[in-house]
Amino acid sequence: MKLRTFILLMAAVLLFIWGHSLIPRSQSAEESLGMMIFLQKILDFLHIPLQLTDHLVRKLAHFAEHAVAGIILGCYFFPEARDAVSRKEKIVKAAIPFAAGLFIGFIDETVQLFSGRGAAVADVWIDFAGICCGAAVTGLVIFVIYTINKRKNA
């Protein structure tokens, strides 16, 4: 991924995440309720016996939007790490998505203080877990593709 593409995608995702954190509590609750009803209809249609709650939908939203950020971070930094020359450089570049994840989650919860919604330490960890999972899955996919291409060219 080119640096310009990475910056544009990351900026768009962060604007989405942090923009939603600025939404007042009442409007956020309305969005969550609408999404919960939508998802519940899908589960009912698929005959999956799971009853969603507003709390679960909110936490899944935190996780999912941060997983997208993790995917973007992984798409940029993991190939950079693979192509790095020194072992130290490889480790540093591979660690950047995870370190950025903690920072992004911390900022997200801090932004919520300005909208009157309050911040929760547990949400920082949910955000961080989303980024870690998105980055880890991306890393795995990149590794598999790299391994397949390496075997084809051998």
Protein backbone atom coordinates (compact mmCIF):
# COMPACT_ATOMS: atom_id res chain seq x y z
CA MET A 1 0.00 0.00 0.00
CA LYS A 2 1.35 3.42 -0.91
CA LEU A 3 1.87 5.94 1.88
CA ARG A 4 -0.65 8.38 0.40
CA THR A 5 -3.35 5.69 0.22
CA PHE A 6 -2.56 4.63 3.78
CA ILE A 7 -2.83 8.19 5.09
CA LEU A 8 -6.14 8.83 3.28
CA LEU A 9 -7.72 5.55 4.43
CA MET A 10 -6.47 5.93 8.00
CA ALA A 11 -7.67 9.54 8.16
CA ALA A 12 -11.12 8.52 6.90
CA VAL A 13 -11.43 5.70 9.44
CA LEU A 14 -10.20 7.87 12.31
CA LEU A 15 -12.60 10.67 11.34
CA PHE A 16 -15.42 8.12 11.35
CA ILE A 17 -14.41 6.64 14.72
CA TRP A 18 -13.68 9.90 16.50
CA GLY A 19 -16.60 11.65 14.80
CA HIS A 20 -18.96 9.07 16.27
CA SER A 21 -17.37 9.62 19.66
CA LEU A 22 -18.41 13.28 19.48
CA ILE A 23 -22.08 12.40 18.95
CA PRO A 24 -24.23 13.18 22.03
CA ARG A 25 -25.39 10.24 24.14
CA SER A 26 -29.04 10.46 23.01
CA GLN A 27 -28.18 10.42 19.31
CA SER A 28 -25.70 7.59 19.83
CA ALA A 29 -28.37 5.59 21.66
CA GLU A 30 -30.76 6.08 18.72
CA GLU A 31 -28.13 4.84 16.26
CA SER A 32 -27.41 1.81 18.42
CA LEU A 33 -31.10 0.99 18.75
CA GLY A 34 -31.58 1.21 14.98
CA MET A 35 -28.60 -1.05 14.37
CA MET A 36 -29.76 -3.48 17.05
CA ILE A 37 -33.20 -3.80 15.43
CA PHE A 38 -31.60 -4.29 12.00
CA LEU A 39 -29.18 -6.96 13.25
CA GLN A 40 -31.90 -8.72 15.24
CA LYS A 41 -34.02 -9.01 12.08
CA ILE A 42 -31.08 -10.64 10.29
CA LEU A 43 -30.52 -13.08 13.18
CA ASP A 44 -34.23 -13.93 13.29
CA PHE A 45 -34.31 -14.47 9.51
CA LEU A 46 -31.34 -16.83 9.80
CA HIS A 47 -33.01 -18.60 12.74
CA ILE A 48 -30.12 -17.81 15.07
CA PRO A 49 -31.48 -17.78 18.63
CA LEU A 50 -29.51 -14.82 19.96
CA GLN A 51 -31.13 -11.84 21.66
CA LEU A 52 -29.09 -8.70 21.10
CA THR A 53 -28.80 -5.95 23.67
CA ASP A 54 -27.93 -2.30 23.25
CA HIS A 55 -24.77 -2.88 25.30
CA LEU A 56 -23.63 -5.76 23.08
CA VAL A 57 -24.27 -3.79 19.88
CA ARG A 58 -22.27 -0.81 21.19
CA LYS A 59 -19.32 -2.99 22.17
CA LEU A 60 -19.40 -4.84 18.83
CA ALA A 61 -19.45 -1.48 17.03
CA HIS A 62 -16.37 -0.36 18.97
CA PHE A 63 -14.63 -3.62 18.12
CA ALA A 64 -15.62 -3.60 14.42
CA GLU A 65 -14.71 -0.01 13.61
CA HIS A 66 -11.33 -0.44 15.28
CA ALA A 67 -10.77 -3.76 13.48
CA VAL A 68 -11.03 -1.82 10.21
CA ALA A 69 -8.31 0.52 11.49
CA GLY A 70 -6.22 -2.55 12.37
CA ILE A 71 -6.63 -3.93 8.86
CA ILE A 72 -5.42 -0.66 7.33
CA LEU A 73 -2.48 -0.45 9.74
CA GLY A 74 -1.56 -4.07 8.99
CA CYS A 75 -1.82 -3.59 5.22
CA TYR A 76 0.72 -0.78 5.39
CA PHE A 77 3.18 -1.83 8.10
CA PHE A 78 3.39 -5.64 7.75
CA PRO A 79 4.75 -5.59 4.18
CA GLU A 80 7.14 -2.85 5.34
CA ALA A 81 8.27 -5.13 8.17
CA ARG A 82 8.69 -8.10 5.85
CA ASP A 83 10.89 -6.05 3.53
CA ALA A 84 12.97 -4.49 6.33
CA VAL A 85 16.66 -5.35 6.38
CA SER A 86 17.50 -5.63 10.08
CA ARG A 87 15.70 -7.77 12.63
CA LYS A 88 15.18 -4.73 14.88
CA GLU A 89 13.54 -2.81 12.03
CA LYS A 90 11.26 -5.78 11.29
CA ILE A 91 10.13 -5.97 14.93
CA VAL A 92 9.55 -2.22 15.22
CA LYS A 93 7.51 -2.02 11.99
CA ALA A 94 5.47 -5.10 12.90
CA ALA A 95 4.73 -3.64 16.35
CA ILE A 96 3.52 -0.26 15.08
CA PRO A 97 -0.10 -1.35 14.36
CA PHE A 98 -0.46 -2.71 17.88
CA ALA A 99 1.09 0.33 19.56
CA ALA A 100 -1.04 2.62 17.41
CA GLY A 101 -4.08 0.59 18.42
CA LEU A 102 -3.68 1.39 22.08
CA PHE A 103 -3.16 5.07 21.27
CA ILE A 104 -6.21 5.20 18.97
CA GLY A 105 -8.42 3.55 21.60
CA PHE A 106 -7.18 5.95 24.27
CA ILE A 107 -7.90 8.98 22.05
CA ASP A 108 -11.35 7.59 21.17
CA GLU A 109 -12.36 7.34 24.81
CA THR A 110 -10.88 10.75 25.59
CA VAL A 111 -12.91 12.33 22.77
CA GLN A 112 -16.08 10.90 24.36
CA LEU A 113 -15.45 13.04 27.44
CA PHE A 114 -16.16 16.13 25.32
CA SER A 115 -19.56 14.85 24.17
CA GLY A 116 -20.77 14.13 27.70
CA ARG A 117 -20.83 10.39 27.12
CA GLY A 118 -17.99 9.57 29.44
CA ALA A 119 -15.08 7.26 28.90
CA ALA A 120 -14.53 3.67 30.03
CA VAL A 121 -11.24 1.87 30.43
CA ALA A 122 -12.95 -1.34 29.28
CA ASP A 123 -13.77 0.37 25.98
CA VAL A 124 -10.10 1.24 25.44
CA TRP A 125 -9.35 -2.49 25.71
CA ILE A 126 -12.23 -3.38 23.36
CA ASP A 127 -10.92 -0.84 20.83
CA PHE A 128 -7.39 -2.20 21.24
CA ALA A 129 -8.63 -5.79 20.82
CA GLY A 130 -10.41 -4.78 17.60
CA ILE A 131 -7.26 -3.24 16.17
CA CYS A 132 -5.17 -6.24 17.26
CA CYS A 133 -7.59 -8.70 15.66
CA GLY A 134 -7.83 -6.68 12.43
CA ALA A 135 -4.05 -6.38 12.24
CA ALA A 136 -3.47 -10.03 13.16
CA VAL A 137 -5.87 -11.34 10.51
CA THR A 138 -4.26 -9.01 7.96
CA GLY A 139 -0.81 -10.23 8.98
CA LEU A 140 -1.92 -13.83 8.59
CA VAL A 141 -3.37 -13.19 5.13
CA ILE A 142 -0.20 -11.36 4.04
CA PHE A 143 1.94 -14.21 5.39
CA VAL A 144 -0.11 -16.84 3.52
CA ILE A 145 0.01 -14.87 0.26
CA TYR A 146 3.76 -14.28 0.67
CA THR A 147 4.37 -17.99 1.38
CA ILE A 148 2.30 -19.11 -1.62
CA ASN A 149 4.10 -16.66 -3.93
CA LYS A 150 7.48 -17.72 -2.56
CA ARG A 151 6.70 -21.39 -3.27
CA LYS A 152 5.47 -20.60 -6.78
CA ASN A 153 8.68 -18.73 -7.55
CA ALA A 154 10.94 -21.40 -6.03
